[in-house]
Amino acid sequence: MKVNFYATLREMAGGKTVEFAVPDNVTAQDLLTEIVTRFPRMRQELLDEQGRLHGHVHFFINGRDVQFLEANMDTQIRPDDTVNVFPAVGGGCR
């Protein structure tokens, strides 16, 4: 499964797109666990103290943020789905 990383996460992952070998019926939470296992530096960027996805991090499956999906992080991901992970981004006009 291919996962696209953006902003500061891209540097931590060593590139924009990273391939993950995951079993069928993997959930968003399973994939998130695999991501932080492979890239431990991402743990504090992505997870809170309880190991849950920070509310300001966006984890998209096929263009939809998991926080707005019915099963949230229990949403199953198919091998051909597109997964994008965005850290919190700040900035703007002064």
Protein backbone atom coordinates (compact mmCIF):
# COMPACT_ATOMS: atom_id res chain seq x y z
CA MET A 1 0.00 0.00 0.00
CA LYS A 2 1.29 3.44 -0.89
CA VAL A 3 1.10 6.28 1.62
CA ASN A 4 1.77 9.89 0.65
CA PHE A 5 3.32 12.17 3.24
CA TYR A 6 3.26 15.97 3.19
CA ALA A 7 5.13 18.91 4.70
CA THR A 8 7.50 17.99 7.56
CA LEU A 9 6.44 14.33 7.44
CA ARG A 10 7.89 13.97 3.95
CA GLU A 11 11.40 14.63 5.25
CA MET A 12 10.93 12.13 8.09
CA ALA A 13 9.72 9.48 5.64
CA GLY A 14 12.57 10.11 3.22
CA GLY A 15 10.23 10.96 0.35
CA LYS A 16 6.69 11.76 -0.68
CA THR A 17 5.42 8.23 -1.25
CA VAL A 18 6.31 5.21 0.85
CA GLU A 19 5.23 1.63 0.23
CA PHE A 20 3.93 -0.38 3.20
CA ALA A 21 3.40 -4.15 3.18
CA VAL A 22 0.18 -4.58 5.13
CA PRO A 23 -2.32 -7.44 5.28
CA ASP A 24 -5.81 -7.34 3.79
CA ASN A 25 -8.49 -5.75 5.96
CA VAL A 26 -6.02 -3.34 7.55
CA THR A 27 -7.64 -0.44 9.38
CA ALA A 28 -6.54 3.17 9.42
CA GLN A 29 -5.35 2.62 13.03
CA ASP A 30 -3.35 -0.45 11.98
CA LEU A 31 -1.67 1.53 9.22
CA LEU A 32 -0.99 4.44 11.56
CA THR A 33 0.67 2.02 13.99
CA GLU A 34 2.79 0.65 11.15
CA ILE A 35 3.79 4.19 10.11
CA VAL A 36 5.03 5.20 13.57
CA THR A 37 6.76 1.84 14.01
CA ARG A 38 8.67 2.35 10.78
CA PHE A 39 9.26 6.06 11.37
CA PRO A 40 9.52 6.57 15.16
CA ARG A 41 10.23 10.31 14.74
CA MET A 42 6.66 10.70 13.48
CA ARG A 43 5.14 9.41 16.74
CA GLN A 44 5.08 12.79 18.50
CA GLU A 45 3.93 14.53 15.31
CA LEU A 46 1.00 12.16 14.75
CA LEU A 47 -0.04 10.68 18.11
CA ASP A 48 -1.20 12.05 21.44
CA GLU A 49 -0.23 10.59 24.84
CA GLN A 50 -2.89 7.87 24.50
CA GLY A 51 -1.60 6.77 21.09
CA ARG A 52 -4.49 8.33 19.18
CA LEU A 53 -4.18 10.53 16.12
CA HIS A 54 -3.84 14.19 17.07
CA GLY A 55 -6.97 16.14 16.15
CA HIS A 56 -4.92 18.57 14.05
CA VAL A 57 -3.39 15.81 11.90
CA HIS A 58 -5.23 14.87 8.73
CA PHE A 59 -5.28 11.22 7.65
CA PHE A 60 -7.10 10.95 4.33
CA ILE A 61 -8.39 7.79 2.67
CA ASN A 62 -9.41 8.40 -0.94
CA GLY A 63 -9.62 12.13 -0.27
CA ARG A 64 -11.78 11.87 2.86
CA ASP A 65 -10.48 12.73 6.33
CA VAL A 66 -10.95 9.70 8.62
CA GLN A 67 -12.30 11.90 11.40
CA PHE A 68 -15.40 12.40 9.21
CA LEU A 69 -15.81 8.75 8.21
CA GLU A 70 -18.36 6.63 10.07
CA ALA A 71 -15.79 4.15 11.44
CA ASN A 72 -13.09 6.82 12.00
CA MET A 73 -9.75 5.07 12.63
CA ASP A 74 -11.45 1.66 12.39
CA THR A 75 -12.13 2.30 8.69
CA GLN A 76 -10.75 -0.53 6.60
CA ILE A 77 -8.30 0.37 3.86
CA ARG A 78 -8.01 -1.59 0.61
CA PRO A 79 -4.63 -2.04 -1.08
CA ASP A 80 -5.68 0.20 -3.99
CA ASP A 81 -6.92 3.05 -1.76
CA THR A 82 -5.02 6.34 -1.70
CA VAL A 83 -3.77 7.36 1.75
CA ASN A 84 -2.43 10.86 2.46
CA VAL A 85 -1.07 12.06 5.81
CA PHE A 86 -0.78 15.78 6.58
CA PRO A 87 0.68 17.25 9.77
CA ALA A 88 -0.73 20.42 11.29
CA VAL A 89 0.20 23.35 9.11
CA GLY A 90 0.34 26.86 10.49
CA GLY A 91 0.93 30.21 8.94
CA GLY A 92 -0.94 32.69 6.88
CA CYS A 93 -1.04 36.44 6.45
CA ARG A 94 0.15 38.85 9.06
